[in-house]
Amino acid sequence: MSASTPSWHLSLRERVLRNAGTAVGSVFTAVGIAGNILVMFIILRFPRMRTVPNVYLFCIAFSDLVILTVAPIIIHFYRVGRWIFGPGACEAESCIKFTSVFASFFLVSAFNVERYQVIMHPLETRHRQSLRKAALICLSMFLLALVANLPFCVTSIVVEAVVDGRNATVCRYFWPEWNSVPEHAQKARRLYLTSLGFLLPLCLNFTLYVLIIRKLRDQDAFRSAAGGQRGKESATAVTKMAAFVTATFIVCTGPYHMYNFISAVSDIHLSEFVGMWTKQLALGNSALDPIIYALMGTNFRECIKQLFCRRRPQAKGRPKGSRNEPDSGYAMVEIE
C-alpha cells in the first residue's frame, strides 16, 4: 500500500481491527477528558479541596488531560494506517505526548514519595508541607519530563517506512542522518522510553507501596497515630488504593512497554496491530486515573454530590466522613 492509498483498500480484517481500536481509544479519550476536567474543576471550585495531596492530584489530572488532547491524532493514525498531518504535527504530537507521559509517571512517583514521608514521619512532614512547596515539586516534575522528552521532541520526522509489508508515511523519532540505521535508532528509543517511563517508576512505586502497607499494618503505629478501628480503616483504604494504582498501571501501560522492549531486544516481528492495541490500552490509564485518585476519596464524593445534586453545604465544619481533621496523623495518607 503506498502512502496515498485510501483506507478503504484495506482488507476486511484490517478494517475491523482498526475500527475496533478506534472505538476503544475514543471511549477512553472521552471518559478521560470528562473525568480529568471534573477533577480539576472540583479542586478549583471548592476551597476545602485545596490541600497538598490534591495539588499533586490536580497536576496528574492536567498531565493526563494533555495526553488525551493528542489522542485523536494517534487514533486517526491507526485508523487509516498512515500519517497525514505533516512534519509540524509530528513534532508537536511527539513533544506533547511524551512530555505528558513522562510527567504523569514522575508526578505519581513524587506523590507516593510524599505519602511515604507522611506515613513514616507524620508530624515532621506536616510541618514541612505547604501548597507552594507541592506546586514547586510538581513544576519541577514537568521540567524534568520535558528534559527527558528531548530525544523524542528534537528528532521527530515524517518518513516513508515499511509497515506490515506495506509502504506507508509514518511519524518516527531519529535524526535524519540516521536514515541508514533507522532500526538501531528505533530500538534505542524503545529501550529509553521503557526504562525511564515504565521500569524505574514501577520499581519505585512498588517499593513505596510495600513500605507503606507494612507500616500501616503495624498495630502499634495505628494506635499511636489514629487509634484502634480508625487506623484499621486507614490501612484498608490505602491497601486498596495501592492495589488499584499498581494493577491499573501494569495492565494499561505494561503491554505497550513490553511491546517496545521485545521489539528492541529481539528479532521477533510484532504486527502493527499489536502496537496499535497496546497504545489504545495505554490511554485507559489516563481515563482511569480520575476514578482511582479522586472518586474513591470521601471529600470528592461529597463535592460531586453537592455539585450535581445541589446539596447545601453543611453549616459547620467539614463534610461528614472527611478524613482531613487536623488531629489525624493519617489525614494526608488517603486521597482527599
C-alpha atoms as a PDB file:
ATOM      1  CA  MET A   1       0.000   0.000   0.000  1.00  0.00           C
ATOM      2  CA  SER A   2       1.509   3.336  -0.956  1.00  0.00           C
ATOM      3  CA  ALA A   3       1.270   6.425   1.188  1.00  0.00           C
ATOM      4  CA  SER A   4      -1.613   7.675  -0.952  1.00  0.00           C
ATOM      5  CA  THR A   5      -3.664   4.508  -0.807  1.00  0.00           C
ATOM      6  CA  PRO A   6      -7.005   5.266   0.880  1.00  0.00           C
ATOM      7  CA  SER A   7      -8.078   3.347   3.963  1.00  0.00           C
ATOM      8  CA  TRP A   8     -10.918   1.569   2.113  1.00  0.00           C
ATOM      9  CA  HIS A   9      -8.318  -0.520   0.243  1.00  0.00           C
ATOM     10  CA  LEU A  10      -7.531  -2.298   3.498  1.00  0.00           C
ATOM     11  CA  SER A  11      -8.777  -5.837   3.895  1.00  0.00           C
ATOM     12  CA  LEU A  12     -11.958  -6.550   5.815  1.00  0.00           C
ATOM     13  CA  ARG A  13      -9.992  -7.996   8.758  1.00  0.00           C
ATOM     14  CA  GLU A  14      -7.768  -4.922   8.926  1.00  0.00           C
ATOM     15  CA  ARG A  15     -10.723  -2.561   8.798  1.00  0.00           C
ATOM     16  CA  VAL A  16     -12.490  -4.440  11.593  1.00  0.00           C
ATOM     17  CA  LEU A  17      -9.386  -4.337  13.804  1.00  0.00           C
ATOM     18  CA  ARG A  18      -8.762  -0.662  13.098  1.00  0.00           C
ATOM     19  CA  ASN A  19     -12.402   0.292  13.681  1.00  0.00           C
ATOM     20  CA  ALA A  20     -12.487  -1.647  16.946  1.00  0.00           C
ATOM     21  CA  GLY A  21      -9.286   0.051  18.083  1.00  0.00           C
ATOM     22  CA  THR A  22     -10.749   3.417  17.145  1.00  0.00           C
ATOM     23  CA  ALA A  23     -13.853   2.720  19.225  1.00  0.00           C
ATOM     24  CA  VAL A  24     -11.853   1.649  22.287  1.00  0.00           C
ATOM     25  CA  GLY A  25      -9.495   4.618  22.047  1.00  0.00           C
ATOM     26  CA  SER A  26     -12.376   7.043  21.540  1.00  0.00           C
ATOM     27  CA  VAL A  27     -14.206   5.777  24.640  1.00  0.00           C
ATOM     28  CA  PHE A  28     -11.064   6.070  26.760  1.00  0.00           C
ATOM     29  CA  THR A  29     -10.451   9.566  25.406  1.00  0.00           C
ATOM     30  CA  ALA A  30     -13.989  10.811  26.051  1.00  0.00           C
ATOM     31  CA  VAL A  31     -14.166   9.333  29.561  1.00  0.00           C
ATOM     32  CA  GLY A  32     -10.673  10.549  30.419  1.00  0.00           C
ATOM     33  CA  ILE A  33     -11.235  14.115  29.243  1.00  0.00           C
ATOM     34  CA  ALA A  34     -14.516  14.399  31.144  1.00  0.00           C
ATOM     35  CA  GLY A  35     -13.111  12.789  34.287  1.00  0.00           C
ATOM     36  CA  ASN A  36      -9.915  14.824  34.443  1.00  0.00           C
ATOM     37  CA  ILE A  37     -11.736  18.101  33.776  1.00  0.00           C
ATOM     38  CA  LEU A  38     -14.151  17.224  36.584  1.00  0.00           C
ATOM     39  CA  VAL A  39     -11.279  16.523  38.968  1.00  0.00           C
ATOM     40  CA  MET A  40      -9.568  19.819  38.162  1.00  0.00           C
ATOM     41  CA  PHE A  41     -12.813  21.777  38.398  1.00  0.00           C
ATOM     42  CA  ILE A  42     -13.699  20.343  41.804  1.00  0.00           C
ATOM     43  CA  ILE A  43     -10.273  21.159  43.228  1.00  0.00           C
ATOM     44  CA  LEU A  44     -10.546  24.746  41.972  1.00  0.00           C
ATOM     45  CA  ARG A  45     -14.233  25.141  42.855  1.00  0.00           C
ATOM     46  CA  PHE A  46     -14.199  24.008  46.492  1.00  0.00           C
ATOM     47  CA  PRO A  47     -11.755  25.719  48.894  1.00  0.00           C
ATOM     48  CA  ARG A  48     -11.619  22.690  51.205  1.00  0.00           C
ATOM     49  CA  MET A  49     -10.165  20.651  48.330  1.00  0.00           C
ATOM     50  CA  ARG A  50      -7.065  22.842  48.104  1.00  0.00           C
ATOM     51  CA  THR A  51      -4.777  20.567  50.064  1.00  0.00           C
ATOM     52  CA  VAL A  52      -1.242  19.328  49.490  1.00  0.00           C
ATOM     53  CA  PRO A  53      -2.301  15.871  48.195  1.00  0.00           C
ATOM     54  CA  ASN A  54      -4.791  17.472  45.850  1.00  0.00           C
ATOM     55  CA  VAL A  55      -2.083  19.706  44.355  1.00  0.00           C
ATOM     56  CA  TYR A  56      -0.438  16.521  43.115  1.00  0.00           C
ATOM     57  CA  LEU A  57      -3.805  15.192  42.021  1.00  0.00           C
ATOM     58  CA  PHE A  58      -4.557  18.373  40.069  1.00  0.00           C
ATOM     59  CA  CYS A  59      -1.235  18.168  38.228  1.00  0.00           C
ATOM     60  CA  ILE A  60      -1.683  14.469  37.466  1.00  0.00           C
ATOM     61  CA  ALA A  61      -5.144  15.200  36.066  1.00  0.00           C
ATOM     62  CA  PHE A  62      -3.732  18.057  33.989  1.00  0.00           C
ATOM     63  CA  SER A  63      -0.982  15.838  32.601  1.00  0.00           C
ATOM     64  CA  ASP A  64      -3.464  13.081  31.733  1.00  0.00           C
ATOM     65  CA  LEU A  65      -5.719  15.641  30.100  1.00  0.00           C
ATOM     66  CA  VAL A  66      -2.883  16.885  27.902  1.00  0.00           C
ATOM     67  CA  ILE A  67      -2.121  13.322  26.793  1.00  0.00           C
ATOM     68  CA  LEU A  68      -5.754  12.844  25.823  1.00  0.00           C
ATOM     69  CA  THR A  69      -5.829  16.049  23.747  1.00  0.00           C
ATOM     70  CA  VAL A  70      -3.429  14.450  21.236  1.00  0.00           C
ATOM     71  CA  ALA A  71      -5.124  11.054  21.469  1.00  0.00           C
ATOM     72  CA  PRO A  72      -7.404  11.772  18.452  1.00  0.00           C
ATOM     73  CA  ILE A  73      -4.294  12.173  16.268  1.00  0.00           C
ATOM     74  CA  ILE A  74      -2.937   8.821  17.466  1.00  0.00           C
ATOM     75  CA  ILE A  75      -6.314   7.150  16.997  1.00  0.00           C
ATOM     76  CA  HIS A  76      -6.691   8.557  13.476  1.00  0.00           C
ATOM     77  CA  PHE A  77      -3.193   7.398  12.526  1.00  0.00           C
ATOM     78  CA  TYR A  78      -4.038   3.822  13.411  1.00  0.00           C
ATOM     79  CA  ARG A  79      -7.479   4.199  11.873  1.00  0.00           C
ATOM     80  CA  VAL A  80      -6.158   4.956   8.362  1.00  0.00           C
ATOM     81  CA  GLY A  81      -2.756   3.278   8.673  1.00  0.00           C
ATOM     82  CA  ARG A  82      -0.619   6.282   7.698  1.00  0.00           C
ATOM     83  CA  TRP A  83       0.421   9.738   8.885  1.00  0.00           C
ATOM     84  CA  ILE A  84      -1.432  12.538   7.091  1.00  0.00           C
ATOM     85  CA  PHE A  85      -0.809  15.525   9.384  1.00  0.00           C
ATOM     86  CA  GLY A  86       2.607  16.656   8.133  1.00  0.00           C
ATOM     87  CA  PRO A  87       6.001  17.138   9.836  1.00  0.00           C
ATOM     88  CA  GLY A  88       4.889  20.021  12.069  1.00  0.00           C
ATOM     89  CA  ALA A  89       2.133  17.955  13.637  1.00  0.00           C
ATOM     90  CA  CYS A  90       4.578  15.069  14.054  1.00  0.00           C
ATOM     91  CA  GLU A  91       6.943  17.240  16.099  1.00  0.00           C
ATOM     92  CA  ALA A  92       4.136  18.786  18.149  1.00  0.00           C
ATOM     93  CA  GLU A  93       2.482  15.426  18.837  1.00  0.00           C
ATOM     94  CA  SER A  94       5.784  13.922  19.962  1.00  0.00           C
ATOM     95  CA  CYS A  95       6.637  16.832  22.277  1.00  0.00           C
ATOM     96  CA  ILE A  96       3.197  16.949  23.889  1.00  0.00           C
ATOM     97  CA  LYS A  97       2.611  13.210  24.151  1.00  0.00           C
ATOM     98  CA  PHE A  98       5.928  12.069  25.555  1.00  0.00           C
ATOM     99  CA  THR A  99       6.348  15.062  27.875  1.00  0.00           C
ATOM    100  CA  SER A 100       2.932  14.320  29.365  1.00  0.00           C
ATOM    101  CA  VAL A 101       3.668  10.593  29.596  1.00  0.00           C
ATOM    102  CA  PHE A 102       6.901  11.188  31.497  1.00  0.00           C
ATOM    103  CA  ALA A 103       5.254  13.883  33.644  1.00  0.00           C
ATOM    104  CA  SER A 104       2.433  11.551  34.694  1.00  0.00           C
ATOM    105  CA  PHE A 105       4.849   8.838  35.806  1.00  0.00           C
ATOM    106  CA  PHE A 106       7.116  11.335  37.597  1.00  0.00           C
ATOM    107  CA  LEU A 107       4.190  13.053  39.338  1.00  0.00           C
ATOM    108  CA  VAL A 108       2.739   9.779  40.592  1.00  0.00           C
ATOM    109  CA  SER A 109       6.169   8.822  41.917  1.00  0.00           C
ATOM    110  CA  ALA A 110       6.621  12.205  43.633  1.00  0.00           C
ATOM    111  CA  PHE A 111       3.157  11.927  45.155  1.00  0.00           C
ATOM    112  CA  ASN A 112       3.877   8.470  46.518  1.00  0.00           C
ATOM    113  CA  VAL A 113       7.174   9.686  47.970  1.00  0.00           C
ATOM    114  CA  GLU A 114       5.216  12.417  49.745  1.00  0.00           C
ATOM    115  CA  ARG A 115       2.716   9.890  51.108  1.00  0.00           C
ATOM    116  CA  TYR A 116       5.581   7.663  52.230  1.00  0.00           C
ATOM    117  CA  GLN A 117       7.111  10.550  54.184  1.00  0.00           C
ATOM    118  CA  VAL A 118       3.762  11.307  55.806  1.00  0.00           C
ATOM    119  CA  ILE A 119       3.383   7.698  56.899  1.00  0.00           C
ATOM    120  CA  MET A 120       6.894   7.344  58.259  1.00  0.00           C
ATOM    121  CA  HIS A 121       7.262  10.812  59.808  1.00  0.00           C
ATOM    122  CA  PRO A 122       3.730  12.271  60.135  1.00  0.00           C
ATOM    123  CA  LEU A 123       4.443  15.170  62.496  1.00  0.00           C
ATOM    124  CA  GLU A 124       7.655  16.350  60.849  1.00  0.00           C
ATOM    125  CA  THR A 125       6.203  16.091  57.364  1.00  0.00           C
ATOM    126  CA  ARG A 126       3.055  18.007  58.221  1.00  0.00           C
ATOM    127  CA  HIS A 127       5.125  20.936  59.470  1.00  0.00           C
ATOM    128  CA  ARG A 128       7.199  20.987  56.281  1.00  0.00           C
ATOM    129  CA  GLN A 129       4.305  20.631  53.851  1.00  0.00           C
ATOM    130  CA  SER A 130       2.747  23.590  52.063  1.00  0.00           C
ATOM    131  CA  LEU A 131       0.734  24.200  48.927  1.00  0.00           C
ATOM    132  CA  ARG A 132       3.554  26.279  47.483  1.00  0.00           C
ATOM    133  CA  LYS A 133       6.152  23.562  48.060  1.00  0.00           C
ATOM    134  CA  ALA A 134       3.901  20.939  46.487  1.00  0.00           C
ATOM    135  CA  ALA A 135       3.310  23.195  43.463  1.00  0.00           C
ATOM    136  CA  LEU A 136       7.070  23.745  43.048  1.00  0.00           C
ATOM    137  CA  ILE A 137       7.700  19.997  43.197  1.00  0.00           C
ATOM    138  CA  CYS A 138       5.056  19.408  40.523  1.00  0.00           C
ATOM    139  CA  LEU A 139       6.562  22.137  38.346  1.00  0.00           C
ATOM    140  CA  SER A 140       9.992  20.518  38.690  1.00  0.00           C
ATOM    141  CA  MET A 141       8.484  17.191  37.600  1.00  0.00           C
ATOM    142  CA  PHE A 142       7.113  18.820  34.447  1.00  0.00           C
ATOM    143  CA  LEU A 143      10.506  20.369  33.703  1.00  0.00           C
ATOM    144  CA  LEU A 144      12.217  17.027  34.287  1.00  0.00           C
ATOM    145  CA  ALA A 145       9.723  15.384  31.932  1.00  0.00           C
ATOM    146  CA  LEU A 146      10.482  17.994  29.279  1.00  0.00           C
ATOM    147  CA  VAL A 147      14.204  17.251  29.572  1.00  0.00           C
ATOM    148  CA  ALA A 148      13.546  13.507  29.425  1.00  0.00           C
ATOM    149  CA  ASN A 149      11.484  14.033  26.273  1.00  0.00           C
ATOM    150  CA  LEU A 150      14.167  15.916  24.349  1.00  0.00           C
ATOM    151  CA  PRO A 151      15.368  12.779  22.494  1.00  0.00           C
ATOM    152  CA  PHE A 152      11.853  12.494  21.024  1.00  0.00           C
ATOM    153  CA  CYS A 153      10.976  16.155  20.639  1.00  0.00           C
ATOM    154  CA  VAL A 154      14.049  17.137  18.620  1.00  0.00           C
ATOM    155  CA  THR A 155      14.218  14.006  16.464  1.00  0.00           C
ATOM    156  CA  SER A 156      10.652  13.658  15.195  1.00  0.00           C
ATOM    157  CA  ILE A 157      10.427  13.293  11.442  1.00  0.00           C
ATOM    158  CA  VAL A 158       7.912  12.079   8.848  1.00  0.00           C
ATOM    159  CA  VAL A 159       9.379   9.299   6.700  1.00  0.00           C
ATOM    160  CA  GLU A 160       8.363   6.545   4.334  1.00  0.00           C
ATOM    161  CA  ALA A 161       8.647   3.156   6.068  1.00  0.00           C
ATOM    162  CA  VAL A 162       7.569  -0.425   5.558  1.00  0.00           C
ATOM    163  CA  VAL A 163       4.756  -1.284   7.977  1.00  0.00           C
ATOM    164  CA  ASP A 164       3.499  -4.875   7.945  1.00  0.00           C
ATOM    165  CA  GLY A 165       4.801  -5.354   4.419  1.00  0.00           C
ATOM    166  CA  ARG A 166       3.394  -2.095   3.035  1.00  0.00           C
ATOM    167  CA  ASN A 167       4.950   1.296   2.353  1.00  0.00           C
ATOM    168  CA  ALA A 168       3.382   3.990   4.482  1.00  0.00           C
ATOM    169  CA  THR A 169       4.030   7.515   5.680  1.00  0.00           C
ATOM    170  CA  VAL A 170       4.764   7.441   9.413  1.00  0.00           C
ATOM    171  CA  CYS A 171       5.966   9.710  12.212  1.00  0.00           C
ATOM    172  CA  ARG A 172       9.268   8.385  13.562  1.00  0.00           C
ATOM    173  CA  TYR A 173      11.884   9.559  16.028  1.00  0.00           C
ATOM    174  CA  PHE A 174      15.504   9.669  14.846  1.00  0.00           C
ATOM    175  CA  TRP A 175      17.974  12.112  13.340  1.00  0.00           C
ATOM    176  CA  PRO A 176      17.735  12.466   9.538  1.00  0.00           C
ATOM    177  CA  GLU A 177      21.420  11.468   9.374  1.00  0.00           C
ATOM    178  CA  TRP A 178      20.404   8.102  10.873  1.00  0.00           C
ATOM    179  CA  ASN A 179      18.365   7.128   7.814  1.00  0.00           C
ATOM    180  CA  SER A 180      20.936   4.448   7.069  1.00  0.00           C
ATOM    181  CA  VAL A 181      20.409   2.853  10.514  1.00  0.00           C
ATOM    182  CA  PRO A 182      16.728   3.536  11.372  1.00  0.00           C
ATOM    183  CA  GLU A 183      16.278   0.173  13.073  1.00  0.00           C
ATOM    184  CA  HIS A 184      19.044   0.869  15.592  1.00  0.00           C
ATOM    185  CA  ALA A 185      17.610   4.311  16.321  1.00  0.00           C
ATOM    186  CA  GLN A 186      14.163   2.842  16.862  1.00  0.00           C
ATOM    187  CA  LYS A 187      15.499   0.182  19.226  1.00  0.00           C
ATOM    188  CA  ALA A 188      17.398   2.766  21.262  1.00  0.00           C
ATOM    189  CA  ARG A 189      14.278   4.898  21.523  1.00  0.00           C
ATOM    190  CA  ARG A 190      12.156   1.971  22.655  1.00  0.00           C
ATOM    191  CA  LEU A 191      14.634   0.933  25.360  1.00  0.00           C
ATOM    192  CA  TYR A 192      14.966   4.520  26.584  1.00  0.00           C
ATOM    193  CA  LEU A 193      11.207   5.005  26.830  1.00  0.00           C
ATOM    194  CA  THR A 194      10.562   1.675  28.545  1.00  0.00           C
ATOM    195  CA  SER A 195      13.392   2.063  31.052  1.00  0.00           C
ATOM    196  CA  LEU A 196      12.747   5.657  32.095  1.00  0.00           C
ATOM    197  CA  GLY A 197       8.986   5.746  31.548  1.00  0.00           C
ATOM    198  CA  PHE A 198       7.976   2.385  32.965  1.00  0.00           C
ATOM    199  CA  LEU A 199      10.547   0.190  34.705  1.00  0.00           C
ATOM    200  CA  LEU A 200      12.051   2.823  37.018  1.00  0.00           C
ATOM    201  CA  PRO A 201       8.689   4.343  38.130  1.00  0.00           C
ATOM    202  CA  LEU A 202       7.237   0.859  38.550  1.00  0.00           C
ATOM    203  CA  CYS A 203      10.079  -0.308  40.784  1.00  0.00           C
ATOM    204  CA  LEU A 204       9.990   2.892  42.844  1.00  0.00           C
ATOM    205  CA  ASN A 205       6.219   2.925  43.331  1.00  0.00           C
ATOM    206  CA  PHE A 206       6.016  -0.784  44.088  1.00  0.00           C
ATOM    207  CA  THR A 207       8.692  -0.397  46.758  1.00  0.00           C
ATOM    208  CA  LEU A 208       6.906   2.574  48.286  1.00  0.00           C
ATOM    209  CA  TYR A 209       3.572   0.731  48.344  1.00  0.00           C
ATOM    210  CA  VAL A 210       5.138  -2.231  50.112  1.00  0.00           C
ATOM    211  CA  LEU A 211       6.726   0.005  52.748  1.00  0.00           C
ATOM    212  CA  ILE A 212       3.518   1.998  53.238  1.00  0.00           C
ATOM    213  CA  ILE A 213       1.364  -1.106  53.644  1.00  0.00           C
ATOM    214  CA  ARG A 214       3.813  -2.687  56.056  1.00  0.00           C
ATOM    215  CA  LYS A 215       3.850   0.487  58.140  1.00  0.00           C
ATOM    216  CA  LEU A 216       0.078   0.803  58.217  1.00  0.00           C
ATOM    217  CA  ARG A 217      -0.313  -2.818  59.244  1.00  0.00           C
ATOM    218  CA  ASP A 218       1.816  -2.210  62.287  1.00  0.00           C
ATOM    219  CA  GLN A 219      -0.771  -2.169  65.080  1.00  0.00           C
ATOM    220  CA  ASP A 220       1.403  -0.073  67.339  1.00  0.00           C
ATOM    221  CA  ALA A 221       1.649   2.585  64.624  1.00  0.00           C
ATOM    222  CA  PHE A 222      -2.139   2.561  64.264  1.00  0.00           C
ATOM    223  CA  ARG A 223      -2.692   3.122  67.969  1.00  0.00           C
ATOM    224  CA  SER A 224      -0.175   5.927  68.232  1.00  0.00           C
ATOM    225  CA  ALA A 225      -1.372   7.770  65.115  1.00  0.00           C
ATOM    226  CA  ALA A 226      -5.129   7.322  64.941  1.00  0.00           C
ATOM    227  CA  GLY A 227      -6.189   4.668  67.359  1.00  0.00           C
ATOM    228  CA  GLY A 228      -7.996   1.353  67.040  1.00  0.00           C
ATOM    229  CA  GLN A 229     -10.619   0.938  64.357  1.00  0.00           C
ATOM    230  CA  ARG A 230      -9.782   4.247  62.685  1.00  0.00           C
ATOM    231  CA  GLY A 231      -6.257   3.012  61.987  1.00  0.00           C
ATOM    232  CA  LYS A 232      -7.509  -0.269  60.574  1.00  0.00           C
ATOM    233  CA  GLU A 233      -9.852   1.579  58.223  1.00  0.00           C
ATOM    234  CA  SER A 234      -6.971   3.754  57.034  1.00  0.00           C
ATOM    235  CA  ALA A 235      -4.855   0.675  56.424  1.00  0.00           C
ATOM    236  CA  THR A 236      -7.593  -0.978  54.394  1.00  0.00           C
ATOM    237  CA  ALA A 237      -8.203   2.141  52.306  1.00  0.00           C
ATOM    238  CA  VAL A 238      -4.540   2.668  51.474  1.00  0.00           C
ATOM    239  CA  THR A 239      -4.057  -1.038  50.723  1.00  0.00           C
ATOM    240  CA  LYS A 240      -6.919  -0.951  48.218  1.00  0.00           C
ATOM    241  CA  MET A 241      -5.618   2.285  46.713  1.00  0.00           C
ATOM    242  CA  ALA A 242      -2.152   0.803  46.273  1.00  0.00           C
ATOM    243  CA  ALA A 243      -3.575  -2.336  44.676  1.00  0.00           C
ATOM    244  CA  PHE A 244      -5.758  -0.355  42.239  1.00  0.00           C
ATOM    245  CA  VAL A 245      -2.982   2.026  41.254  1.00  0.00           C
ATOM    246  CA  THR A 246      -0.379  -0.677  40.746  1.00  0.00           C
ATOM    247  CA  ALA A 247      -2.733  -3.020  38.887  1.00  0.00           C
ATOM    248  CA  THR A 248      -4.027  -0.275  36.572  1.00  0.00           C
ATOM    249  CA  PHE A 249      -0.529   0.978  35.829  1.00  0.00           C
ATOM    250  CA  ILE A 250       0.679  -2.509  34.921  1.00  0.00           C
ATOM    251  CA  VAL A 251      -2.432  -3.596  32.996  1.00  0.00           C
ATOM    252  CA  CYS A 252      -2.792  -0.402  30.951  1.00  0.00           C
ATOM    253  CA  THR A 253       0.802   0.588  30.198  1.00  0.00           C
ATOM    254  CA  GLY A 254       2.618  -2.718  30.692  1.00  0.00           C
ATOM    255  CA  PRO A 255       1.633  -4.280  27.323  1.00  0.00           C
ATOM    256  CA  TYR A 256       2.805  -1.205  25.400  1.00  0.00           C
ATOM    257  CA  HIS A 257       6.194  -1.173  27.122  1.00  0.00           C
ATOM    258  CA  MET A 258       6.515  -4.936  26.746  1.00  0.00           C
ATOM    259  CA  TYR A 259       5.862  -4.451  23.022  1.00  0.00           C
ATOM    260  CA  ASN A 260       8.624  -1.829  22.934  1.00  0.00           C
ATOM    261  CA  PHE A 261      11.036  -3.992  24.895  1.00  0.00           C
ATOM    262  CA  ILE A 262      10.525  -7.093  22.758  1.00  0.00           C
ATOM    263  CA  SER A 263      10.877  -5.049  19.566  1.00  0.00           C
ATOM    264  CA  ALA A 264      14.119  -3.530  20.859  1.00  0.00           C
ATOM    265  CA  VAL A 265      15.989  -6.558  22.196  1.00  0.00           C
ATOM    266  CA  SER A 266      14.863  -9.328  19.843  1.00  0.00           C
ATOM    267  CA  ASP A 267      14.308 -10.043  16.172  1.00  0.00           C
ATOM    268  CA  ILE A 268      10.723 -11.113  16.773  1.00  0.00           C
ATOM    269  CA  HIS A 269       8.392  -9.302  14.404  1.00  0.00           C
ATOM    270  CA  LEU A 270       5.304  -7.919  16.116  1.00  0.00           C
ATOM    271  CA  SER A 271       2.469  -6.734  13.894  1.00  0.00           C
ATOM    272  CA  GLU A 272       1.471  -3.094  13.723  1.00  0.00           C
ATOM    273  CA  PHE A 273      -1.871  -4.128  15.202  1.00  0.00           C
ATOM    274  CA  VAL A 274      -0.140  -5.247  18.404  1.00  0.00           C
ATOM    275  CA  GLY A 275       1.359  -1.785  18.776  1.00  0.00           C
ATOM    276  CA  MET A 276      -1.984  -0.201  17.923  1.00  0.00           C
ATOM    277  CA  TRP A 277      -3.888  -2.081  20.607  1.00  0.00           C
ATOM    278  CA  THR A 278      -1.235  -1.578  23.285  1.00  0.00           C
ATOM    279  CA  LYS A 279      -1.265   2.176  22.660  1.00  0.00           C
ATOM    280  CA  GLN A 280      -5.055   2.302  22.791  1.00  0.00           C
ATOM    281  CA  LEU A 281      -4.956   0.388  26.076  1.00  0.00           C
ATOM    282  CA  ALA A 282      -2.372   2.803  27.462  1.00  0.00           C
ATOM    283  CA  LEU A 283      -4.922   5.596  27.038  1.00  0.00           C
ATOM    284  CA  GLY A 284      -7.028   3.754  29.598  1.00  0.00           C
ATOM    285  CA  ASN A 285      -4.532   4.678  32.316  1.00  0.00           C
ATOM    286  CA  SER A 286      -5.277   8.376  31.799  1.00  0.00           C
ATOM    287  CA  ALA A 287      -9.008   7.628  31.710  1.00  0.00           C
ATOM    288  CA  LEU A 288      -8.979   5.607  34.945  1.00  0.00           C
ATOM    289  CA  ASP A 289      -6.723   7.932  36.940  1.00  0.00           C
ATOM    290  CA  PRO A 290      -9.586  10.285  37.910  1.00  0.00           C
ATOM    291  CA  ILE A 291     -11.562   7.342  39.296  1.00  0.00           C
ATOM    292  CA  ILE A 292      -8.670   5.856  41.237  1.00  0.00           C
ATOM    293  CA  TYR A 293      -7.101   9.047  42.572  1.00  0.00           C
ATOM    294  CA  ALA A 294     -10.189  11.153  43.071  1.00  0.00           C
ATOM    295  CA  LEU A 295     -13.585   9.489  43.037  1.00  0.00           C
ATOM    296  CA  MET A 296     -12.519   6.965  45.703  1.00  0.00           C
ATOM    297  CA  GLY A 297     -11.914   9.869  48.091  1.00  0.00           C
ATOM    298  CA  THR A 298     -14.591  10.812  50.622  1.00  0.00           C
ATOM    299  CA  ASN A 299     -14.388  14.568  50.034  1.00  0.00           C
ATOM    300  CA  PHE A 300     -14.514  14.166  46.261  1.00  0.00           C
ATOM    301  CA  ARG A 301     -17.723  12.183  46.522  1.00  0.00           C
ATOM    302  CA  GLU A 302     -19.212  14.822  48.794  1.00  0.00           C
ATOM    303  CA  CYS A 303     -18.233  17.613  46.394  1.00  0.00           C
ATOM    304  CA  ILE A 304     -19.651  15.754  43.402  1.00  0.00           C
ATOM    305  CA  LYS A 305     -22.948  15.269  45.226  1.00  0.00           C
ATOM    306  CA  GLN A 306     -23.008  18.936  46.174  1.00  0.00           C
ATOM    307  CA  LEU A 307     -22.135  19.963  42.616  1.00  0.00           C
ATOM    308  CA  PHE A 308     -24.688  17.842  40.766  1.00  0.00           C
ATOM    309  CA  CYS A 309     -27.378  17.344  43.402  1.00  0.00           C
ATOM    310  CA  ARG A 310     -27.431  20.968  44.529  1.00  0.00           C
ATOM    311  CA  ARG A 311     -26.813  19.944  48.106  1.00  0.00           C
ATOM    312  CA  ARG A 312     -26.482  22.762  50.567  1.00  0.00           C
ATOM    313  CA  PRO A 313     -23.092  22.965  52.283  1.00  0.00           C
ATOM    314  CA  GLN A 314     -23.033  21.961  55.929  1.00  0.00           C
ATOM    315  CA  ALA A 315     -23.333  24.805  58.362  1.00  0.00           C
ATOM    316  CA  LYS A 316     -20.296  23.914  60.411  1.00  0.00           C
ATOM    317  CA  GLY A 317     -17.090  22.030  59.886  1.00  0.00           C
ATOM    318  CA  ARG A 318     -16.226  19.792  57.006  1.00  0.00           C
ATOM    319  CA  PRO A 319     -18.367  17.201  55.301  1.00  0.00           C
ATOM    320  CA  LYS A 320     -19.369  14.172  57.239  1.00  0.00           C
ATOM    321  CA  GLY A 321     -16.848  11.424  56.764  1.00  0.00           C
ATOM    322  CA  SER A 322     -13.966  13.798  55.982  1.00  0.00           C
ATOM    323  CA  ARG A 323     -10.565  12.473  56.883  1.00  0.00           C
ATOM    324  CA  ASN A 324      -8.868  15.870  56.947  1.00  0.00           C
ATOM    325  CA  GLU A 325      -9.232  16.581  60.663  1.00  0.00           C
ATOM    326  CA  PRO A 326      -6.164  18.466  61.926  1.00  0.00           C
ATOM    327  CA  ASP A 327      -5.596  15.976  64.747  1.00  0.00           C
ATOM    328  CA  SER A 328      -5.371  12.960  62.466  1.00  0.00           C
ATOM    329  CA  GLY A 329      -1.850  11.818  61.744  1.00  0.00           C
ATOM    330  CA  TYR A 330      -3.157   9.881  58.741  1.00  0.00           C
ATOM    331  CA  ALA A 331      -5.090  12.765  57.233  1.00  0.00           C
ATOM    332  CA  MET A 332      -2.580  13.084  54.421  1.00  0.00           C
ATOM    333  CA  VAL A 333      -2.364   9.363  53.739  1.00  0.00           C
ATOM    334  CA  GLU A 334      -5.510   8.982  51.662  1.00  0.00           C
ATOM    335  CA  ILE A 335      -6.577  10.907  48.601  1.00  0.00           C
ATOM    336  CA  GLU A 336      -8.733  13.656  49.985  1.00  0.00           C
END
